[in-house]
Amino acid sequence: MMLRKVVIAGAALGAVAAFAVVSQPVQAGGCVVASAKARGVVEAGANKRSHDKLTRHINHWAHKNGLKSVHVGYAQTSCSKGPVFVCTVSAKACP
């Protein structure tokens, strides 16, 4: 009877430990796709502003995950004209 209780308690403790190990947050080892959007009266100004926002966004992501350096891939930019230019830029950042 006592042995049965010990076995059940050990199994329960093992299940809790396994759940705790599996539910840990994923380390910052993966890549992220970052994007930024900016407006401007002139297309060149909106383009520069969107690239600056993207850089700030990537730097914030790297700092938040404790990364010293990241590799940023090619940044794609698309701009559209309305009353003002709206430029969107996106890039892939990896540790």
PDB file of N, CA and C in Angstrom:
ATOM      1  N   MET A   1       0.824  -1.180   0.000  1.00  0.00           N
ATOM      2  CA  MET A   1       0.000   0.000   0.000  1.00  0.00           C
ATOM      3  C   MET A   1       0.881   1.261   0.000  1.00  0.00           C
ATOM      4  N   MET A   2       1.885   1.273   0.829  1.00  0.00           N
ATOM      5  CA  MET A   2       2.779   2.425   0.912  1.00  0.00           C
ATOM      6  C   MET A   2       3.582   2.577  -0.379  1.00  0.00           C
ATOM      7  N   LEU A   3       4.027   1.458  -0.929  1.00  0.00           N
ATOM      8  CA  LEU A   3       4.796   1.492  -2.169  1.00  0.00           C
ATOM      9  C   LEU A   3       3.964   2.057  -3.311  1.00  0.00           C
ATOM     10  N   ARG A   4       2.696   1.709  -3.332  1.00  0.00           N
ATOM     11  CA  ARG A   4       1.792   2.197  -4.375  1.00  0.00           C
ATOM     12  C   ARG A   4       1.675   3.730  -4.304  1.00  0.00           C
ATOM     13  N   LYS A   5       1.556   4.283  -3.105  1.00  0.00           N
ATOM     14  CA  LYS A   5       1.458   5.735  -2.928  1.00  0.00           C
ATOM     15  C   LYS A   5       2.745   6.433  -3.366  1.00  0.00           C
ATOM     16  N   VAL A   6       3.880   5.816  -3.077  1.00  0.00           N
ATOM     17  CA  VAL A   6       5.162   6.393  -3.474  1.00  0.00           C
ATOM     18  C   VAL A   6       5.298   6.401  -4.995  1.00  0.00           C
ATOM     19  N   VAL A   7       4.872   5.318  -5.633  1.00  0.00           N
ATOM     20  CA  VAL A   7       4.940   5.243  -7.096  1.00  0.00           C
ATOM     21  C   VAL A   7       4.022   6.278  -7.726  1.00  0.00           C
ATOM     22  N   ILE A   8       2.815   6.430  -7.214  1.00  0.00           N
ATOM     23  CA  ILE A   8       1.861   7.416  -7.751  1.00  0.00           C
ATOM     24  C   ILE A   8       2.398   8.836  -7.536  1.00  0.00           C
ATOM     25  N   ALA A   9       2.948   9.115  -6.366  1.00  0.00           N
ATOM     26  CA  ALA A   9       3.511  10.446  -6.095  1.00  0.00           C
ATOM     27  C   ALA A   9       4.701  10.722  -7.002  1.00  0.00           C
ATOM     28  N   GLY A  10       5.538   9.716  -7.234  1.00  0.00           N
ATOM     29  CA  GLY A  10       6.685   9.886  -8.134  1.00  0.00           C
ATOM     30  C   GLY A  10       6.249  10.149  -9.561  1.00  0.00           C
ATOM     31  N   ALA A  11       5.222   9.445 -10.014  1.00  0.00           N
ATOM     32  CA  ALA A  11       4.703   9.648 -11.374  1.00  0.00           C
ATOM     33  C   ALA A  11       4.107  11.047 -11.515  1.00  0.00           C
ATOM     34  N   ALA A  12       3.374  11.479 -10.491  1.00  0.00           N
ATOM     35  CA  ALA A  12       2.786  12.820 -10.535  1.00  0.00           C
ATOM     36  C   ALA A  12       3.870  13.891 -10.552  1.00  0.00           C
ATOM     37  N   LEU A  13       4.888  13.702  -9.732  1.00  0.00           N
ATOM     38  CA  LEU A  13       5.998  14.657  -9.706  1.00  0.00           C
ATOM     39  C   LEU A  13       6.732  14.683 -11.043  1.00  0.00           C
ATOM     40  N   GLY A  14       6.921  13.529 -11.655  1.00  0.00           N
ATOM     41  CA  GLY A  14       7.548  13.459 -12.980  1.00  0.00           C
ATOM     42  C   GLY A  14       6.728  14.163 -14.036  1.00  0.00           C
ATOM     43  N   ALA A  15       5.401  14.026 -13.975  1.00  0.00           N
ATOM     44  CA  ALA A  15       4.527  14.695 -14.947  1.00  0.00           C
ATOM     45  C   ALA A  15       4.603  16.208 -14.790  1.00  0.00           C
ATOM     46  N   VAL A  16       4.621  16.684 -13.558  1.00  0.00           N
ATOM     47  CA  VAL A  16       4.719  18.129 -13.311  1.00  0.00           C
ATOM     48  C   VAL A  16       6.063  18.651 -13.797  1.00  0.00           C
ATOM     49  N   ALA A  17       7.132  17.932 -13.550  1.00  0.00           N
ATOM     50  CA  ALA A  17       8.462  18.362 -13.998  1.00  0.00           C
ATOM     51  C   ALA A  17       8.543  18.386 -15.520  1.00  0.00           C
ATOM     52  N   ALA A  18       7.964  17.378 -16.172  1.00  0.00           N
ATOM     53  CA  ALA A  18       7.973  17.349 -17.644  1.00  0.00           C
ATOM     54  C   ALA A  18       7.181  18.517 -18.210  1.00  0.00           C
ATOM     55  N   PHE A  19       6.040  18.834 -17.597  1.00  0.00           N
ATOM     56  CA  PHE A  19       5.236  19.965 -18.065  1.00  0.00           C
ATOM     57  C   PHE A  19       5.996  21.274 -17.882  1.00  0.00           C
ATOM     58  N   ALA A  20       6.708  21.426 -16.775  1.00  0.00           N
ATOM     59  CA  ALA A  20       7.461  22.659 -16.513  1.00  0.00           C
ATOM     60  C   ALA A  20       8.585  22.831 -17.527  1.00  0.00           C
ATOM     61  N   VAL A  21       9.236  21.751 -17.917  1.00  0.00           N
ATOM     62  CA  VAL A  21      10.331  21.842 -18.889  1.00  0.00           C
ATOM     63  C   VAL A  21       9.790  22.184 -20.272  1.00  0.00           C
ATOM     64  N   VAL A  22       8.668  21.573 -20.650  1.00  0.00           N
ATOM     65  CA  VAL A  22       8.106  21.802 -21.984  1.00  0.00           C
ATOM     66  C   VAL A  22       7.529  23.195 -22.114  1.00  0.00           C
ATOM     67  N   SER A  23       6.982  23.750 -21.036  1.00  0.00           N
ATOM     68  CA  SER A  23       6.307  25.041 -21.128  1.00  0.00           C
ATOM     69  C   SER A  23       7.237  26.232 -20.990  1.00  0.00           C
ATOM     70  N   GLN A  24       8.545  26.015 -20.964  1.00  0.00           N
ATOM     71  CA  GLN A  24       9.485  27.127 -20.887  1.00  0.00           C
ATOM     72  C   GLN A  24       9.409  27.953 -22.165  1.00  0.00           C
ATOM     73  N   PRO A  25       9.591  29.288 -22.102  1.00  0.00           N
ATOM     74  CA  PRO A  25       9.558  30.103 -23.313  1.00  0.00           C
ATOM     75  C   PRO A  25      10.723  29.761 -24.246  1.00  0.00           C
ATOM     76  N   VAL A  26      10.478  29.928 -25.509  1.00  0.00           N
ATOM     77  CA  VAL A  26      11.497  29.623 -26.514  1.00  0.00           C
ATOM     78  C   VAL A  26      12.593  30.670 -26.446  1.00  0.00           C
ATOM     79  N   GLN A  27      13.832  30.245 -26.521  1.00  0.00           N
ATOM     80  CA  GLN A  27      14.950  31.170 -26.496  1.00  0.00           C
ATOM     81  C   GLN A  27      14.979  31.981 -27.784  1.00  0.00           C
ATOM     82  N   ALA A  28      15.621  33.123 -27.737  1.00  0.00           N
ATOM     83  CA  ALA A  28      15.684  34.014 -28.891  1.00  0.00           C
ATOM     84  C   ALA A  28      16.701  33.489 -29.885  1.00  0.00           C
ATOM     85  N   GLY A  29      16.418  32.361 -30.487  1.00  0.00           N
ATOM     86  CA  GLY A  29      17.323  31.780 -31.451  1.00  0.00           C
ATOM     87  C   GLY A  29      16.750  31.853 -32.851  1.00  0.00           C
ATOM     88  N   GLY A  30      15.489  32.222 -32.966  1.00  0.00           N
ATOM     89  CA  GLY A  30      14.828  32.257 -34.252  1.00  0.00           C
ATOM     90  C   GLY A  30      14.875  33.626 -34.889  1.00  0.00           C
ATOM     91  N   CYS A  31      14.487  33.653 -36.130  1.00  0.00           N
ATOM     92  CA  CYS A  31      14.450  34.907 -36.876  1.00  0.00           C
ATOM     93  C   CYS A  31      13.090  35.577 -36.708  1.00  0.00           C
ATOM     94  N   VAL A  32      13.056  36.846 -37.023  1.00  0.00           N
ATOM     95  CA  VAL A  32      11.812  37.598 -36.966  1.00  0.00           C
ATOM     96  C   VAL A  32      11.713  38.462 -38.226  1.00  0.00           C
ATOM     97  N   VAL A  33      10.500  38.623 -38.726  1.00  0.00           N
ATOM     98  CA  VAL A  33      10.268  39.533 -39.843  1.00  0.00           C
ATOM     99  C   VAL A  33       9.712  40.819 -39.258  1.00  0.00           C
ATOM    100  N   ALA A  34      10.442  41.893 -39.431  1.00  0.00           N
ATOM    101  CA  ALA A  34      10.046  43.188 -38.882  1.00  0.00           C
ATOM    102  C   ALA A  34       9.583  44.089 -40.017  1.00  0.00           C
ATOM    103  N   SER A  35       8.605  44.933 -39.728  1.00  0.00           N
ATOM    104  CA  SER A  35       8.136  45.875 -40.738  1.00  0.00           C
ATOM    105  C   SER A  35       7.834  47.208 -40.073  1.00  0.00           C
ATOM    106  N   ALA A  36       7.878  48.253 -40.883  1.00  0.00           N
ATOM    107  CA  ALA A  36       7.604  49.609 -40.394  1.00  0.00           C
ATOM    108  C   ALA A  36       6.954  50.404 -41.516  1.00  0.00           C
ATOM    109  N   LYS A  37       6.115  51.346 -41.124  1.00  0.00           N
ATOM    110  CA  LYS A  37       5.409  52.184 -42.093  1.00  0.00           C
ATOM    111  C   LYS A  37       5.589  53.638 -41.701  1.00  0.00           C
ATOM    112  N   ALA A  38       5.800  54.500 -42.691  1.00  0.00           N
ATOM    113  CA  ALA A  38       5.968  55.928 -42.410  1.00  0.00           C
ATOM    114  C   ALA A  38       5.337  56.742 -43.528  1.00  0.00           C
ATOM    115  N   ARG A  39       4.936  57.958 -43.171  1.00  0.00           N
ATOM    116  CA  ARG A  39       4.329  58.876 -44.135  1.00  0.00           C
ATOM    117  C   ARG A  39       5.253  60.061 -44.353  1.00  0.00           C
ATOM    118  N   GLY A  40       5.114  60.687 -45.513  1.00  0.00           N
ATOM    119  CA  GLY A  40       5.897  61.875 -45.799  1.00  0.00           C
ATOM    120  C   GLY A  40       5.358  62.596 -47.019  1.00  0.00           C
ATOM    121  N   VAL A  41       5.629  63.894 -47.102  1.00  0.00           N
ATOM    122  CA  VAL A  41       5.190  64.689 -48.243  1.00  0.00           C
ATOM    123  C   VAL A  41       6.007  64.324 -49.476  1.00  0.00           C
ATOM    124  N   VAL A  42       7.282  64.028 -49.267  1.00  0.00           N
ATOM    125  CA  VAL A  42       8.183  63.646 -50.349  1.00  0.00           C
ATOM    126  C   VAL A  42       8.479  62.152 -50.196  1.00  0.00           C
ATOM    127  N   GLU A  43       8.561  61.433 -51.316  1.00  0.00           N
ATOM    128  CA  GLU A  43       8.779  59.994 -51.260  1.00  0.00           C
ATOM    129  C   GLU A  43      10.103  59.639 -50.583  1.00  0.00           C
ATOM    130  N   ALA A  44      11.154  60.404 -50.879  1.00  0.00           N
ATOM    131  CA  ALA A  44      12.461  60.122 -50.285  1.00  0.00           C
ATOM    132  C   ALA A  44      12.419  60.276 -48.763  1.00  0.00           C
ATOM    133  N   GLY A  45      11.699  61.263 -48.284  1.00  0.00           N
ATOM    134  CA  GLY A  45      11.578  61.466 -46.841  1.00  0.00           C
ATOM    135  C   GLY A  45      10.810  60.336 -46.171  1.00  0.00           C
ATOM    136  N   ALA A  46       9.729  59.901 -46.796  1.00  0.00           N
ATOM    137  CA  ALA A  46       8.953  58.792 -46.241  1.00  0.00           C
ATOM    138  C   ALA A  46       9.765  57.507 -46.252  1.00  0.00           C
ATOM    139  N   ASN A  47      10.546  57.310 -47.310  1.00  0.00           N
ATOM    140  CA  ASN A  47      11.380  56.112 -47.417  1.00  0.00           C
ATOM    141  C   ASN A  47      12.435  56.093 -46.309  1.00  0.00           C
ATOM    142  N   LYS A  48      13.113  57.217 -46.114  1.00  0.00           N
ATOM    143  CA  LYS A  48      14.145  57.301 -45.070  1.00  0.00           C
ATOM    144  C   LYS A  48      13.527  57.111 -43.691  1.00  0.00           C
ATOM    145  N   ARG A  49      12.385  57.726 -43.459  1.00  0.00           N
ATOM    146  CA  ARG A  49      11.724  57.615 -42.166  1.00  0.00           C
ATOM    147  C   ARG A  49      11.306  56.170 -41.874  1.00  0.00           C
ATOM    148  N   SER A  50      10.808  55.470 -42.897  1.00  0.00           N
ATOM    149  CA  SER A  50      10.399  54.081 -42.684  1.00  0.00           C
ATOM    150  C   SER A  50      11.604  53.188 -42.399  1.00  0.00           C
ATOM    151  N   HIS A  51      12.736  53.426 -43.072  1.00  0.00           N
ATOM    152  CA  HIS A  51      13.946  52.650 -42.793  1.00  0.00           C
ATOM    153  C   HIS A  51      14.468  52.934 -41.383  1.00  0.00           C
ATOM    154  N   ASP A  52      14.384  54.187 -40.943  1.00  0.00           N
ATOM    155  CA  ASP A  52      14.805  54.530 -39.583  1.00  0.00           C
ATOM    156  C   ASP A  52      13.919  53.839 -38.546  1.00  0.00           C
ATOM    157  N   LYS A  53      12.603  53.799 -38.807  1.00  0.00           N
ATOM    158  CA  LYS A  53      11.685  53.111 -37.892  1.00  0.00           C
ATOM    159  C   LYS A  53      11.984  51.620 -37.841  1.00  0.00           C
ATOM    160  N   LEU A  54      12.293  51.044 -38.997  1.00  0.00           N
ATOM    161  CA  LEU A  54      12.629  49.620 -39.040  1.00  0.00           C
ATOM    162  C   LEU A  54      13.880  49.336 -38.221  1.00  0.00           C
ATOM    163  N   THR A  55      14.878  50.186 -38.351  1.00  0.00           N
ATOM    164  CA  THR A  55      16.119  50.015 -37.589  1.00  0.00           C
ATOM    165  C   THR A  55      15.839  50.087 -36.092  1.00  0.00           C
ATOM    166  N   ARG A  56      15.019  51.052 -35.661  1.00  0.00           N
ATOM    167  CA  ARG A  56      14.669  51.163 -34.246  1.00  0.00           C
ATOM    168  C   ARG A  56      13.914  49.928 -33.770  1.00  0.00           C
ATOM    169  N   HIS A  57      13.005  49.426 -34.618  1.00  0.00           N
ATOM    170  CA  HIS A  57      12.221  48.242 -34.269  1.00  0.00           C
ATOM    171  C   HIS A  57      13.126  47.023 -34.093  1.00  0.00           C
ATOM    172  N   ILE A  58      14.070  46.831 -34.997  1.00  0.00           N
ATOM    173  CA  ILE A  58      14.992  45.695 -34.917  1.00  0.00           C
ATOM    174  C   ILE A  58      15.913  45.845 -33.705  1.00  0.00           C
ATOM    175  N   ASN A  59      16.409  47.048 -33.451  1.00  0.00           N
ATOM    176  CA  ASN A  59      17.266  47.274 -32.284  1.00  0.00           C
ATOM    177  C   ASN A  59      16.516  46.989 -30.982  1.00  0.00           C
ATOM    178  N   HIS A  60      15.247  47.379 -30.926  1.00  0.00           N
ATOM    179  CA  HIS A  60      14.431  47.122 -29.744  1.00  0.00           C
ATOM    180  C   HIS A  60      14.251  45.617 -29.552  1.00  0.00           C
ATOM    181  N   TRP A  61      13.963  44.890 -30.636  1.00  0.00           N
ATOM    182  CA  TRP A  61      13.804  43.431 -30.574  1.00  0.00           C
ATOM    183  C   TRP A  61      15.086  42.774 -30.080  1.00  0.00           C
ATOM    184  N   ALA A  62      16.230  43.213 -30.611  1.00  0.00           N
ATOM    185  CA  ALA A  62      17.508  42.620 -30.224  1.00  0.00           C
ATOM    186  C   ALA A  62      17.802  42.901 -28.743  1.00  0.00           C
ATOM    187  N   HIS A  63      17.561  44.130 -28.301  1.00  0.00           N
ATOM    188  CA  HIS A  63      17.826  44.484 -26.902  1.00  0.00           C
ATOM    189  C   HIS A  63      16.907  43.711 -25.962  1.00  0.00           C
ATOM    190  N   LYS A  64      15.626  43.580 -26.348  1.00  0.00           N
ATOM    191  CA  LYS A  64      14.658  42.879 -25.524  1.00  0.00           C
ATOM    192  C   LYS A  64      15.030  41.404 -25.352  1.00  0.00           C
ATOM    193  N   ASN A  65      15.644  40.805 -26.376  1.00  0.00           N
ATOM    194  CA  ASN A  65      16.031  39.404 -26.325  1.00  0.00           C
ATOM    195  C   ASN A  65      17.482  39.209 -25.903  1.00  0.00           C
ATOM    196  N   GLY A  66      18.165  40.281 -25.510  1.00  0.00           N
ATOM    197  CA  GLY A  66      19.526  40.182 -25.004  1.00  0.00           C
ATOM    198  C   GLY A  66      20.548  39.809 -26.060  1.00  0.00           C
ATOM    199  N   LEU A  67      20.330  40.219 -27.296  1.00  0.00           N
ATOM    200  CA  LEU A  67      21.252  39.901 -28.384  1.00  0.00           C
ATOM    201  C   LEU A  67      22.252  41.029 -28.565  1.00  0.00           C
ATOM    202  N   LYS A  68      23.516  40.675 -28.756  1.00  0.00           N
ATOM    203  CA  LYS A  68      24.551  41.684 -28.979  1.00  0.00           C
ATOM    204  C   LYS A  68      24.569  42.160 -30.421  1.00  0.00           C
ATOM    205  N   SER A  69      24.294  41.253 -31.367  1.00  0.00           N
ATOM    206  CA  SER A  69      24.287  41.643 -32.769  1.00  0.00           C
ATOM    207  C   SER A  69      23.271  40.792 -33.524  1.00  0.00           C
ATOM    208  N   VAL A  70      22.735  41.343 -34.595  1.00  0.00           N
ATOM    209  CA  VAL A  70      21.785  40.626 -35.435  1.00  0.00           C
ATOM    210  C   VAL A  70      22.158  40.830 -36.893  1.00  0.00           C
ATOM    211  N   HIS A  71      21.795  39.869 -37.709  1.00  0.00           N
ATOM    212  CA  HIS A  71      21.992  39.981 -39.154  1.00  0.00           C
ATOM    213  C   HIS A  71      20.655  40.362 -39.766  1.00  0.00           C
ATOM    214  N   VAL A  72      20.645  41.439 -40.531  1.00  0.00           N
ATOM    215  CA  VAL A  72      19.422  41.919 -41.160  1.00  0.00           C
ATOM    216  C   VAL A  72      19.521  41.653 -42.651  1.00  0.00           C
ATOM    217  N   GLY A  73      18.517  40.982 -43.181  1.00  0.00           N
ATOM    218  CA  GLY A  73      18.491  40.675 -44.607  1.00  0.00           C
ATOM    219  C   GLY A  73      18.082  41.887 -45.427  1.00  0.00           C
ATOM    220  N   TYR A  74      17.882  41.658 -46.719  1.00  0.00           N
ATOM    221  CA  TYR A  74      17.489  42.713 -47.646  1.00  0.00           C
ATOM    222  C   TYR A  74      16.157  43.319 -47.214  1.00  0.00           C
ATOM    223  N   ALA A  75      16.076  44.633 -47.168  1.00  0.00           N
ATOM    224  CA  ALA A  75      14.859  45.330 -46.766  1.00  0.00           C
ATOM    225  C   ALA A  75      14.052  45.711 -48.002  1.00  0.00           C
ATOM    226  N   GLN A  76      12.848  45.150 -48.107  1.00  0.00           N
ATOM    227  CA  GLN A  76      11.973  45.476 -49.228  1.00  0.00           C
ATOM    228  C   GLN A  76      11.145  46.704 -48.885  1.00  0.00           C
ATOM    229  N   THR A  77      11.059  47.616 -49.829  1.00  0.00           N
ATOM    230  CA  THR A  77      10.319  48.850 -49.620  1.00  0.00           C
ATOM    231  C   THR A  77       9.257  48.998 -50.686  1.00  0.00           C
ATOM    232  N   SER A  78       8.071  49.416 -50.269  1.00  0.00           N
ATOM    233  CA  SER A  78       7.022  49.748 -51.230  1.00  0.00           C
ATOM    234  C   SER A  78       6.380  51.055 -50.785  1.00  0.00           C
ATOM    235  N   CYS A  79       6.206  51.954 -51.734  1.00  0.00           N
ATOM    236  CA  CYS A  79       5.632  53.259 -51.445  1.00  0.00           C
ATOM    237  C   CYS A  79       4.379  53.453 -52.291  1.00  0.00           C
ATOM    238  N   SER A  80       3.394  54.116 -51.717  1.00  0.00           N
ATOM    239  CA  SER A  80       2.176  54.433 -52.467  1.00  0.00           C
ATOM    240  C   SER A  80       1.871  55.912 -52.284  1.00  0.00           C
ATOM    241  N   LYS A  81       1.270  56.482 -53.306  1.00  0.00           N
ATOM    242  CA  LYS A  81       0.965  57.914 -53.280  1.00  0.00           C
ATOM    243  C   LYS A  81      -0.518  58.111 -53.064  1.00  0.00           C
ATOM    244  N   GLY A  82      -0.844  58.964 -52.148  1.00  0.00           N
ATOM    245  CA  GLY A  82      -2.194  59.433 -51.893  1.00  0.00           C
ATOM    246  C   GLY A  82      -2.049  60.923 -51.650  1.00  0.00           C
ATOM    247  N   PRO A  83      -2.730  61.444 -50.646  1.00  0.00           N
ATOM    248  CA  PRO A  83      -2.475  62.833 -50.264  1.00  0.00           C
ATOM    249  C   PRO A  83      -1.020  63.015 -49.809  1.00  0.00           C
ATOM    250  N   VAL A  84      -0.460  61.951 -49.208  1.00  0.00           N
ATOM    251  CA  VAL A  84       0.948  61.919 -48.830  1.00  0.00           C
ATOM    252  C   VAL A  84       1.514  60.560 -49.246  1.00  0.00           C
ATOM    253  N   PHE A  85       2.832  60.471 -49.313  1.00  0.00           N
ATOM    254  CA  PHE A  85       3.467  59.193 -49.625  1.00  0.00           C
ATOM    255  C   PHE A  85       3.454  58.319 -48.370  1.00  0.00           C
ATOM    256  N   VAL A  86       3.149  57.048 -48.552  1.00  0.00           N
ATOM    257  CA  VAL A  86       3.188  56.074 -47.455  1.00  0.00           C
ATOM    258  C   VAL A  86       4.128  54.968 -47.890  1.00  0.00           C
ATOM    259  N   CYS A  87       5.222  54.815 -47.157  1.00  0.00           N
ATOM    260  CA  CYS A  87       6.211  53.784 -47.477  1.00  0.00           C
ATOM    261  C   CYS A  87       6.210  52.721 -46.393  1.00  0.00           C
ATOM    262  N   THR A  88       6.216  51.467 -46.827  1.00  0.00           N
ATOM    263  CA  THR A  88       6.296  50.331 -45.928  1.00  0.00           C
ATOM    264  C   THR A  88       7.570  49.564 -46.255  1.00  0.00           C
ATOM    265  N   VAL A  89       8.312  49.217 -45.230  1.00  0.00           N
ATOM    266  CA  VAL A  89       9.563  48.484 -45.414  1.00  0.00           C
ATOM    267  C   VAL A  89       9.534  47.284 -44.479  1.00  0.00           C
ATOM    268  N   SER A  90      10.051  46.150 -44.959  1.00  0.00           N
ATOM    269  CA  SER A  90      10.124  44.957 -44.120  1.00  0.00           C
ATOM    270  C   SER A  90      11.441  44.249 -44.385  1.00  0.00           C
ATOM    271  N   ALA A  91      11.943  43.579 -43.352  1.00  0.00           N
ATOM    272  CA  ALA A  91      13.212  42.853 -43.459  1.00  0.00           C
ATOM    273  C   ALA A  91      13.203  41.707 -42.467  1.00  0.00           C
ATOM    274  N   LYS A  92      14.031  40.720 -42.734  1.00  0.00           N
ATOM    275  CA  LYS A  92      14.193  39.566 -41.847  1.00  0.00           C
ATOM    276  C   LYS A  92      15.435  39.795 -40.992  1.00  0.00           C
ATOM    277  N   ALA A  93      15.288  39.637 -39.683  1.00  0.00           N
ATOM    278  CA  ALA A  93      16.410  39.815 -38.757  1.00  0.00           C
ATOM    279  C   ALA A  93      16.652  38.517 -38.013  1.00  0.00           C
ATOM    280  N   CYS A  94      17.912  38.077 -37.994  1.00  0.00           N
ATOM    281  CA  CYS A  94      18.296  36.831 -37.326  1.00  0.00           C
ATOM    282  C   CYS A  94      19.460  37.094 -36.384  1.00  0.00           C
ATOM    283  N   PRO A  95      19.510  36.358 -35.266  1.00  0.00           N
ATOM    284  CA  PRO A  95      20.650  36.525 -34.358  1.00  0.00           C
ATOM    285  C   PRO A  95      21.944  36.019 -34.952  1.00  0.00           C
TER     286      PRO A  95
END
